[in-house]
Amino acid sequence: MPELPEVETTARGIRPWLENCRIKQVSVHHAGLRWPVPEHLAETLRGQTVKVVQRRGKYLILNTPAGDVLIHLGMSGSLRVDTDGSARRKHDHVEWQLADGVLRYHDPRRFGCVLLAEDATQHPLIARLGPEPLGEVFNGDYLFRASRGRRQAVKTFIMDSRIVVGVGNIYASEALFAAGIWPKATAGRLSRATYQRLAKAIRDTLLQAIAAGGTTLQDFVNANGQPGYFAQALAVYGRAGDACARCGKAIVSATIGQRSSYFCPRCQKTGK
């Protein structure tokens, strides 16, 4: 599933093509996504100018005078700008005709969404989200305060979008390794200093992934159709049985919060 770095990469890729650009028309070829594409999407957006392209958590927001377009890439979705007149592919479900090309929403599994909202920040999918991990509000002190009384595993805690947005399974595993924290450690028992270390690791991991264009494990491509390259730098995720690059101990996997987790049993000792 595309996580924050992949969505941020997509936002940066489509922004030059969409901001201050007029939408000539919209074509909906398959409305049956996770939630049905609104019937009035094409009529509402025709002739509108995209003012701003934003990201909130794993959601993309296209702001227009007629309202906001709220997009989630689901399990396998991508947004691509085609400028060469190439034909629509089988799973291109929504198209926006622009002055210099066409923006296509591609989603083979159809688990994403394209919705309309008067104000996306107040939409139920976004209104209760936690702070951005790359924003000023997010730091170790915030995580420490939010974790008090929590009995869940720290990995599950930082993957809760009500606590902080966009720290999905891949990046939670990588950040915990970078911070040397046992992923099963009880969130409410970790110290302020530990959370300061973890907040920095989360931020650094996400920034590194964004710089690499995200992580492509199977489906993700950016707005130009290119894969992300952060997979080459993954220290633990998907590497069960491989030697830890730090200590040589075999990376192990376990299920935490119904998700596959990867960690080094020797390097990740805090909270063990």
C-alpha atoms as a PDB file:
ATOM      1  CA  MET A   1       0.000   0.000   0.000  1.00  0.00           C
ATOM      2  CA  PRO A   2       1.378   3.460  -0.856  1.00  0.00           C
ATOM      3  CA  GLU A   3       2.404   5.156   2.381  1.00  0.00           C
ATOM      4  CA  LEU A   4       3.258   8.776   3.178  1.00  0.00           C
ATOM      5  CA  PRO A   5       6.512   8.965   1.145  1.00  0.00           C
ATOM      6  CA  GLU A   6       4.808   7.487  -1.909  1.00  0.00           C
ATOM      7  CA  VAL A   7       1.869   9.878  -1.626  1.00  0.00           C
ATOM      8  CA  GLU A   8       4.207  12.843  -1.055  1.00  0.00           C
ATOM      9  CA  THR A   9       6.221  11.765  -4.110  1.00  0.00           C
ATOM     10  CA  THR A  10       2.999  11.669  -6.117  1.00  0.00           C
ATOM     11  CA  ALA A  11       1.930  15.111  -4.869  1.00  0.00           C
ATOM     12  CA  ARG A  12       5.264  16.623  -5.856  1.00  0.00           C
ATOM     13  CA  GLY A  13       5.073  14.942  -9.251  1.00  0.00           C
ATOM     14  CA  ILE A  14       1.599  16.145 -10.223  1.00  0.00           C
ATOM     15  CA  ARG A  15       1.786  19.599  -8.612  1.00  0.00           C
ATOM     16  CA  PRO A  16       3.578  21.364 -11.506  1.00  0.00           C
ATOM     17  CA  TRP A  17       0.993  20.021 -13.954  1.00  0.00           C
ATOM     18  CA  LEU A  18      -2.119  20.776 -11.905  1.00  0.00           C
ATOM     19  CA  GLU A  19      -1.670  23.905  -9.838  1.00  0.00           C
ATOM     20  CA  ASN A  20      -3.283  26.915 -11.525  1.00  0.00           C
ATOM     21  CA  CYS A  21      -4.366  24.630 -14.357  1.00  0.00           C
ATOM     22  CA  ARG A  22      -7.905  24.506 -15.746  1.00  0.00           C
ATOM     23  CA  ILE A  23      -9.642  21.145 -15.922  1.00  0.00           C
ATOM     24  CA  LYS A  24     -11.152  20.809 -19.375  1.00  0.00           C
ATOM     25  CA  GLN A  25     -13.236  17.772 -18.556  1.00  0.00           C
ATOM     26  CA  VAL A  26     -13.342  14.669 -16.368  1.00  0.00           C
ATOM     27  CA  SER A  27     -14.113  11.130 -17.506  1.00  0.00           C
ATOM     28  CA  VAL A  28     -15.142   8.425 -15.048  1.00  0.00           C
ATOM     29  CA  HIS A  29     -14.673   5.000 -16.621  1.00  0.00           C
ATOM     30  CA  HIS A  30     -15.278   2.915 -13.508  1.00  0.00           C
ATOM     31  CA  ALA A  31     -17.071   4.420 -10.514  1.00  0.00           C
ATOM     32  CA  GLY A  32     -16.874   1.280  -8.370  1.00  0.00           C
ATOM     33  CA  LEU A  33     -13.919   2.109  -6.153  1.00  0.00           C
ATOM     34  CA  ARG A  34     -13.818   1.563  -2.384  1.00  0.00           C
ATOM     35  CA  TRP A  35     -16.511   4.217  -2.203  1.00  0.00           C
ATOM     36  CA  PRO A  36     -18.390   5.057  -5.421  1.00  0.00           C
ATOM     37  CA  VAL A  37     -17.042   8.009  -7.393  1.00  0.00           C
ATOM     38  CA  PRO A  38     -19.668  10.778  -7.068  1.00  0.00           C
ATOM     39  CA  GLU A  39     -22.020  10.902 -10.020  1.00  0.00           C
ATOM     40  CA  HIS A  40     -21.603  14.668 -10.301  1.00  0.00           C
ATOM     41  CA  LEU A  41     -17.786  14.608 -10.230  1.00  0.00           C
ATOM     42  CA  ALA A  42     -17.363  15.397 -13.943  1.00  0.00           C
ATOM     43  CA  GLU A  43     -20.010  18.105 -13.969  1.00  0.00           C
ATOM     44  CA  THR A  44     -18.665  19.748 -10.808  1.00  0.00           C
ATOM     45  CA  LEU A  45     -15.033  19.876 -11.932  1.00  0.00           C
ATOM     46  CA  ARG A  46     -15.475  20.775 -15.592  1.00  0.00           C
ATOM     47  CA  GLY A  47     -13.886  24.173 -16.198  1.00  0.00           C
ATOM     48  CA  GLN A  48     -12.551  24.473 -12.647  1.00  0.00           C
ATOM     49  CA  THR A  49      -8.995  25.581 -11.873  1.00  0.00           C
ATOM     50  CA  VAL A  50      -6.894  23.575  -9.428  1.00  0.00           C
ATOM     51  CA  LYS A  51      -5.599  26.116  -6.931  1.00  0.00           C
ATOM     52  CA  VAL A  52      -3.466  23.895  -4.689  1.00  0.00           C
ATOM     53  CA  VAL A  53      -2.351  20.253  -4.553  1.00  0.00           C
ATOM     54  CA  GLN A  54      -1.935  19.122  -0.941  1.00  0.00           C
ATOM     55  CA  ARG A  55      -1.196  15.949   0.998  1.00  0.00           C
ATOM     56  CA  ARG A  56      -2.789  15.070   4.323  1.00  0.00           C
ATOM     57  CA  GLY A  57      -1.537  11.792   5.685  1.00  0.00           C
ATOM     58  CA  LYS A  58      -2.000   9.298   2.848  1.00  0.00           C
ATOM     59  CA  TYR A  59      -4.621  11.434   1.110  1.00  0.00           C
ATOM     60  CA  LEU A  60      -4.177  13.840  -1.794  1.00  0.00           C
ATOM     61  CA  ILE A  61      -6.340  16.947  -1.960  1.00  0.00           C
ATOM     62  CA  LEU A  62      -6.951  18.949  -5.137  1.00  0.00           C
ATOM     63  CA  ASN A  63      -8.423  22.293  -4.127  1.00  0.00           C
ATOM     64  CA  THR A  64     -10.760  24.017  -6.607  1.00  0.00           C
ATOM     65  CA  PRO A  65     -13.309  26.843  -6.236  1.00  0.00           C
ATOM     66  CA  ALA A  66     -16.072  24.223  -6.546  1.00  0.00           C
ATOM     67  CA  GLY A  67     -14.718  22.130  -3.709  1.00  0.00           C
ATOM     68  CA  ASP A  68     -11.947  19.678  -2.893  1.00  0.00           C
ATOM     69  CA  VAL A  69     -11.143  16.410  -4.638  1.00  0.00           C
ATOM     70  CA  LEU A  70     -10.067  13.821  -2.070  1.00  0.00           C
ATOM     71  CA  ILE A  71      -7.948  10.974  -3.454  1.00  0.00           C
ATOM     72  CA  HIS A  72      -6.573   7.860  -1.774  1.00  0.00           C
ATOM     73  CA  LEU A  73      -4.372   5.446  -3.723  1.00  0.00           C
ATOM     74  CA  GLY A  74      -5.624   2.375  -1.881  1.00  0.00           C
ATOM     75  CA  MET A  75      -3.593  -0.819  -2.173  1.00  0.00           C
ATOM     76  CA  SER A  76      -2.359  -0.448  -5.742  1.00  0.00           C
ATOM     77  CA  GLY A  77      -3.338   2.983  -7.017  1.00  0.00           C
ATOM     78  CA  SER A  78      -1.247   5.626  -8.736  1.00  0.00           C
ATOM     79  CA  LEU A  79      -1.705   9.009 -10.387  1.00  0.00           C
ATOM     80  CA  ARG A  80       0.184   9.657 -13.611  1.00  0.00           C
ATOM     81  CA  VAL A  81       0.366  12.624 -15.939  1.00  0.00           C
ATOM     82  CA  ASP A  82       0.504  11.523 -19.572  1.00  0.00           C
ATOM     83  CA  THR A  83       1.582  14.118 -22.110  1.00  0.00           C
ATOM     84  CA  ASP A  84       2.330  11.912 -25.105  1.00  0.00           C
ATOM     85  CA  GLY A  85      -1.212  11.037 -26.120  1.00  0.00           C
ATOM     86  CA  SER A  86      -0.889   7.432 -24.960  1.00  0.00           C
ATOM     87  CA  ALA A  87      -4.036   5.328 -24.819  1.00  0.00           C
ATOM     88  CA  ARG A  88      -5.953   4.755 -21.609  1.00  0.00           C
ATOM     89  CA  ARG A  89      -4.972   1.545 -19.842  1.00  0.00           C
ATOM     90  CA  LYS A  90      -7.400  -1.075 -18.543  1.00  0.00           C
ATOM     91  CA  HIS A  91      -7.404   0.117 -14.931  1.00  0.00           C
ATOM     92  CA  ASP A  92      -7.354   3.888 -15.574  1.00  0.00           C
ATOM     93  CA  HIS A  93     -10.658   4.601 -13.846  1.00  0.00           C
ATOM     94  CA  VAL A  94     -10.745   8.409 -13.731  1.00  0.00           C
ATOM     95  CA  GLU A  95      -9.165  10.936 -16.123  1.00  0.00           C
ATOM     96  CA  TRP A  96      -8.748  14.687 -15.844  1.00  0.00           C
ATOM     97  CA  GLN A  97      -8.137  16.419 -19.203  1.00  0.00           C
ATOM     98  CA  LEU A  98      -5.661  19.267 -18.682  1.00  0.00           C
ATOM     99  CA  ALA A  99      -4.182  21.902 -20.953  1.00  0.00           C
ATOM    100  CA  ASP A 100      -0.963  19.961 -21.516  1.00  0.00           C
ATOM    101  CA  GLY A 101      -1.939  16.361 -20.905  1.00  0.00           C
ATOM    102  CA  VAL A 102      -4.177  14.057 -18.933  1.00  0.00           C
ATOM    103  CA  LEU A 103      -4.040  13.021 -15.271  1.00  0.00           C
ATOM    104  CA  ARG A 104      -5.045   9.376 -14.852  1.00  0.00           C
ATOM    105  CA  TYR A 105      -6.057   7.563 -11.683  1.00  0.00           C
ATOM    106  CA  HIS A 106      -4.956   3.938 -12.082  1.00  0.00           C
ATOM    107  CA  ASP A 107      -6.057   1.306  -9.563  1.00  0.00           C
ATOM    108  CA  PRO A 108      -6.128  -2.411 -10.479  1.00  0.00           C
ATOM    109  CA  ARG A 109      -7.588  -3.495  -7.130  1.00  0.00           C
ATOM    110  CA  ARG A 110     -10.040  -0.558  -6.946  1.00  0.00           C
ATOM    111  CA  PHE A 111      -9.480  -0.117  -3.202  1.00  0.00           C
ATOM    112  CA  GLY A 112      -8.726   3.593  -3.377  1.00  0.00           C
ATOM    113  CA  CYS A 113     -11.142   6.494  -3.702  1.00  0.00           C
ATOM    114  CA  VAL A 114     -11.883   9.701  -5.589  1.00  0.00           C
ATOM    115  CA  LEU A 115     -14.364  11.805  -3.629  1.00  0.00           C
ATOM    116  CA  LEU A 116     -15.653  15.370  -3.466  1.00  0.00           C
ATOM    117  CA  ALA A 117     -15.861  17.512  -0.337  1.00  0.00           C
ATOM    118  CA  GLU A 118     -16.782  21.114   0.313  1.00  0.00           C
ATOM    119  CA  ASP A 119     -13.805  21.270   2.683  1.00  0.00           C
ATOM    120  CA  ALA A 120     -11.552  18.186   2.736  1.00  0.00           C
ATOM    121  CA  THR A 121     -10.125  19.065   6.148  1.00  0.00           C
ATOM    122  CA  GLN A 122     -13.595  18.506   7.636  1.00  0.00           C
ATOM    123  CA  HIS A 123     -14.288  15.264   5.775  1.00  0.00           C
ATOM    124  CA  PRO A 124     -14.773  12.262   8.122  1.00  0.00           C
ATOM    125  CA  LEU A 125     -11.768  10.495   6.552  1.00  0.00           C
ATOM    126  CA  ILE A 126      -9.445  13.365   7.490  1.00  0.00           C
ATOM    127  CA  ALA A 127     -10.978  15.373  10.341  1.00  0.00           C
ATOM    128  CA  ARG A 128      -9.701  13.106  13.132  1.00  0.00           C
ATOM    129  CA  LEU A 129      -6.216  12.440  11.792  1.00  0.00           C
ATOM    130  CA  GLY A 130      -3.227  13.084  14.028  1.00  0.00           C
ATOM    131  CA  PRO A 131      -0.380  15.503  13.276  1.00  0.00           C
ATOM    132  CA  GLU A 132       1.954  15.201  10.313  1.00  0.00           C
ATOM    133  CA  PRO A 133       5.240  13.480  11.208  1.00  0.00           C
ATOM    134  CA  LEU A 134       7.157  16.086   9.211  1.00  0.00           C
ATOM    135  CA  GLY A 135       5.352  19.017  10.833  1.00  0.00           C
ATOM    136  CA  GLU A 136       6.310  21.214  13.768  1.00  0.00           C
ATOM    137  CA  VAL A 137       3.798  19.690  16.206  1.00  0.00           C
ATOM    138  CA  PHE A 138       5.299  16.221  15.963  1.00  0.00           C
ATOM    139  CA  ASN A 139       8.238  15.534  18.282  1.00  0.00           C
ATOM    140  CA  GLY A 140       9.341  13.252  21.107  1.00  0.00           C
ATOM    141  CA  ASP A 141       7.514  15.223  23.774  1.00  0.00           C
ATOM    142  CA  TYR A 142       4.250  14.859  21.844  1.00  0.00           C
ATOM    143  CA  LEU A 143       4.696  11.095  21.481  1.00  0.00           C
ATOM    144  CA  PHE A 144       5.618  10.736  25.150  1.00  0.00           C
ATOM    145  CA  ARG A 145       2.473  12.581  26.290  1.00  0.00           C
ATOM    146  CA  ALA A 146       0.227  10.696  23.863  1.00  0.00           C
ATOM    147  CA  SER A 147       1.614   7.337  24.967  1.00  0.00           C
ATOM    148  CA  ARG A 148       0.882   7.656  28.679  1.00  0.00           C
ATOM    149  CA  GLY A 149      -1.427   4.875  29.813  1.00  0.00           C
ATOM    150  CA  ARG A 150      -1.170   3.020  26.509  1.00  0.00           C
ATOM    151  CA  ARG A 151      -0.722  -0.733  26.825  1.00  0.00           C
ATOM    152  CA  GLN A 152      -0.367  -1.516  23.133  1.00  0.00           C
ATOM    153  CA  ALA A 153       2.911  -2.289  21.412  1.00  0.00           C
ATOM    154  CA  VAL A 154       4.877   0.795  20.391  1.00  0.00           C
ATOM    155  CA  LYS A 155       4.778  -0.282  16.732  1.00  0.00           C
ATOM    156  CA  THR A 156       0.980  -0.404  16.784  1.00  0.00           C
ATOM    157  CA  PHE A 157       0.951   2.933  18.630  1.00  0.00           C
ATOM    158  CA  ILE A 158       2.936   4.842  15.996  1.00  0.00           C
ATOM    159  CA  MET A 159       0.886   3.264  13.181  1.00  0.00           C
ATOM    160  CA  ASP A 160      -2.336   4.683  14.655  1.00  0.00           C
ATOM    161  CA  SER A 161      -3.335   7.549  12.326  1.00  0.00           C
ATOM    162  CA  ARG A 162      -5.067   9.290  15.235  1.00  0.00           C
ATOM    163  CA  ILE A 163      -1.659   9.553  16.927  1.00  0.00           C
ATOM    164  CA  VAL A 164       0.425  10.439  13.872  1.00  0.00           C
ATOM    165  CA  VAL A 165      -0.424  10.121  10.203  1.00  0.00           C
ATOM    166  CA  GLY A 166       1.438   8.251   7.514  1.00  0.00           C
ATOM    167  CA  VAL A 167       3.700   5.945   9.532  1.00  0.00           C
ATOM    168  CA  GLY A 168       2.715   2.714   7.823  1.00  0.00           C
ATOM    169  CA  ASN A 169       4.060  -0.770   8.280  1.00  0.00           C
ATOM    170  CA  ILE A 170       7.264  -0.388   6.264  1.00  0.00           C
ATOM    171  CA  TYR A 171       8.384   2.874   7.830  1.00  0.00           C
ATOM    172  CA  ALA A 172       7.341   1.922  11.365  1.00  0.00           C
ATOM    173  CA  SER A 173       9.610  -1.133  11.160  1.00  0.00           C
ATOM    174  CA  GLU A 174      12.471   0.893   9.730  1.00  0.00           C
ATOM    175  CA  ALA A 175      12.167   3.761  12.235  1.00  0.00           C
ATOM    176  CA  LEU A 176      12.051   1.423  15.232  1.00  0.00           C
ATOM    177  CA  PHE A 177      15.194  -0.284  13.991  1.00  0.00           C
ATOM    178  CA  ALA A 178      16.936   3.061  13.495  1.00  0.00           C
ATOM    179  CA  ALA A 179      15.982   4.067  17.052  1.00  0.00           C
ATOM    180  CA  GLY A 180      16.988   0.681  18.532  1.00  0.00           C
ATOM    181  CA  ILE A 181      13.520   0.055  20.007  1.00  0.00           C
ATOM    182  CA  TRP A 182      11.916  -3.377  20.470  1.00  0.00           C
ATOM    183  CA  PRO A 183       8.683  -3.175  18.407  1.00  0.00           C
ATOM    184  CA  LYS A 184       6.670  -5.124  20.989  1.00  0.00           C
ATOM    185  CA  ALA A 185       7.638  -2.742  23.815  1.00  0.00           C
ATOM    186  CA  THR A 186       4.638  -1.355  25.695  1.00  0.00           C
ATOM    187  CA  ALA A 187       4.068   2.179  24.439  1.00  0.00           C
ATOM    188  CA  GLY A 188       3.138   3.622  27.826  1.00  0.00           C
ATOM    189  CA  ARG A 189       6.335   2.389  29.486  1.00  0.00           C
ATOM    190  CA  LEU A 190       8.879   4.012  27.198  1.00  0.00           C
ATOM    191  CA  SER A 191      10.729   7.090  28.405  1.00  0.00           C
ATOM    192  CA  ARG A 192      10.634  10.622  27.070  1.00  0.00           C
ATOM    193  CA  ALA A 193      14.220  10.245  25.836  1.00  0.00           C
ATOM    194  CA  THR A 194      13.258   7.089  23.944  1.00  0.00           C
ATOM    195  CA  TYR A 195      10.401   8.884  22.224  1.00  0.00           C
ATOM    196  CA  GLN A 196      12.660  11.774  21.307  1.00  0.00           C
ATOM    197  CA  ARG A 197      14.922   9.261  19.604  1.00  0.00           C
ATOM    198  CA  LEU A 198      11.958   7.596  17.908  1.00  0.00           C
ATOM    199  CA  ALA A 199      10.444  10.854  16.641  1.00  0.00           C
ATOM    200  CA  LYS A 200      13.747  11.756  15.022  1.00  0.00           C
ATOM    201  CA  ALA A 201      14.029   8.277  13.491  1.00  0.00           C
ATOM    202  CA  ILE A 202      10.508   8.520  12.043  1.00  0.00           C
ATOM    203  CA  ARG A 203      11.207  11.918  10.529  1.00  0.00           C
ATOM    204  CA  ASP A 204      14.601  10.913   9.133  1.00  0.00           C
ATOM    205  CA  THR A 205      13.285   7.641   7.695  1.00  0.00           C
ATOM    206  CA  LEU A 206      10.384   9.348   5.927  1.00  0.00           C
ATOM    207  CA  LEU A 207      12.610  12.103   4.531  1.00  0.00           C
ATOM    208  CA  GLN A 208      15.079   9.533   3.204  1.00  0.00           C
ATOM    209  CA  ALA A 209      12.246   7.606   1.572  1.00  0.00           C
ATOM    210  CA  ILE A 210      10.824  10.746  -0.035  1.00  0.00           C
ATOM    211  CA  ALA A 211      14.265  11.639  -1.378  1.00  0.00           C
ATOM    212  CA  ALA A 212      14.432   8.149  -2.941  1.00  0.00           C
ATOM    213  CA  GLY A 213      11.009   8.531  -4.514  1.00  0.00           C
ATOM    214  CA  GLY A 214       9.256   6.179  -2.100  1.00  0.00           C
ATOM    215  CA  THR A 215       9.369   2.401  -1.829  1.00  0.00           C
ATOM    216  CA  THR A 216       8.237   0.108  -4.637  1.00  0.00           C
ATOM    217  CA  LEU A 217       7.630  -3.447  -3.450  1.00  0.00           C
ATOM    218  CA  GLN A 218       5.037  -4.333  -6.071  1.00  0.00           C
ATOM    219  CA  ASP A 219       2.715  -1.741  -7.601  1.00  0.00           C
ATOM    220  CA  PHE A 220       3.769   1.813  -6.780  1.00  0.00           C
ATOM    221  CA  VAL A 221       4.934   4.174  -9.506  1.00  0.00           C
ATOM    222  CA  ASN A 222       5.243   7.943  -9.335  1.00  0.00           C
ATOM    223  CA  ALA A 223       3.560  10.550 -11.535  1.00  0.00           C
ATOM    224  CA  ASN A 224       6.044   9.794 -14.323  1.00  0.00           C
ATOM    225  CA  GLY A 225       5.512   6.042 -14.120  1.00  0.00           C
ATOM    226  CA  GLN A 226       8.831   5.414 -12.343  1.00  0.00           C
ATOM    227  CA  PRO A 227       9.245   3.122  -9.288  1.00  0.00           C
ATOM    228  CA  GLY A 228      10.537   4.287  -5.910  1.00  0.00           C
ATOM    229  CA  TYR A 229      14.027   3.244  -4.914  1.00  0.00           C
ATOM    230  CA  PHE A 230      13.951   3.281  -1.105  1.00  0.00           C
ATOM    231  CA  ALA A 231      13.429  -0.501  -1.136  1.00  0.00           C
ATOM    232  CA  GLN A 232      17.143  -0.799  -1.823  1.00  0.00           C
ATOM    233  CA  ALA A 233      17.875   0.909   1.502  1.00  0.00           C
ATOM    234  CA  LEU A 234      15.484  -1.070   3.725  1.00  0.00           C
ATOM    235  CA  ALA A 235      17.354  -2.286   6.793  1.00  0.00           C
ATOM    236  CA  VAL A 236      14.836  -4.785   8.195  1.00  0.00           C
ATOM    237  CA  TYR A 237      11.492  -4.749   6.375  1.00  0.00           C
ATOM    238  CA  GLY A 238      11.030  -7.897   4.299  1.00  0.00           C
ATOM    239  CA  ARG A 239      14.489  -9.166   5.251  1.00  0.00           C
ATOM    240  CA  ALA A 240      13.645 -11.996   7.658  1.00  0.00           C
ATOM    241  CA  GLY A 241      16.570 -14.403   7.815  1.00  0.00           C
ATOM    242  CA  ASP A 242      19.067 -11.912   6.381  1.00  0.00           C
ATOM    243  CA  ALA A 243      22.006 -10.750   8.464  1.00  0.00           C
ATOM    244  CA  CYS A 244      21.557  -7.416  10.229  1.00  0.00           C
ATOM    245  CA  ALA A 245      23.819  -4.841   8.611  1.00  0.00           C
ATOM    246  CA  ARG A 246      24.844  -3.588  12.063  1.00  0.00           C
ATOM    247  CA  CYS A 247      25.518  -6.719  14.097  1.00  0.00           C
ATOM    248  CA  GLY A 248      25.181  -9.711  11.786  1.00  0.00           C
ATOM    249  CA  LYS A 249      22.342 -11.289  13.756  1.00  0.00           C
ATOM    250  CA  ALA A 250      19.514 -12.696  11.631  1.00  0.00           C
ATOM    251  CA  ILE A 251      16.544 -10.372  11.125  1.00  0.00           C
ATOM    252  CA  VAL A 252      13.360 -11.959  12.464  1.00  0.00           C
ATOM    253  CA  SER A 253       9.685 -11.417  11.737  1.00  0.00           C
ATOM    254  CA  ALA A 254       6.601 -11.539  13.946  1.00  0.00           C
ATOM    255  CA  THR A 255       2.979 -10.511  13.751  1.00  0.00           C
ATOM    256  CA  ILE A 256       2.256  -7.358  15.754  1.00  0.00           C
ATOM    257  CA  GLY A 257      -1.192  -5.839  15.563  1.00  0.00           C
ATOM    258  CA  GLN A 258      -2.085  -8.230  12.718  1.00  0.00           C
ATOM    259  CA  ARG A 259       0.778  -6.883  10.605  1.00  0.00           C
ATOM    260  CA  SER A 260       4.063  -8.515   9.662  1.00  0.00           C
ATOM    261  CA  SER A 261       6.902  -6.854  11.561  1.00  0.00           C
ATOM    262  CA  TYR A 262      10.650  -7.120  11.031  1.00  0.00           C
ATOM    263  CA  PHE A 263      13.378  -6.342  13.550  1.00  0.00           C
ATOM    264  CA  CYS A 264      16.823  -7.248  14.837  1.00  0.00           C
ATOM    265  CA  PRO A 265      16.631  -9.063  18.191  1.00  0.00           C
ATOM    266  CA  ARG A 266      20.103  -7.843  19.149  1.00  0.00           C
ATOM    267  CA  CYS A 267      20.097  -4.188  18.047  1.00  0.00           C
ATOM    268  CA  GLN A 268      16.544  -3.365  19.159  1.00  0.00           C
ATOM    269  CA  LYS A 269      16.815  -3.727  22.923  1.00  0.00           C
ATOM    270  CA  THR A 270      15.060  -0.656  24.328  1.00  0.00           C
ATOM    271  CA  GLY A 271      11.833  -1.811  25.968  1.00  0.00           C
ATOM    272  CA  LYS A 272      12.612  -5.490  25.509  1.00  0.00           C
END
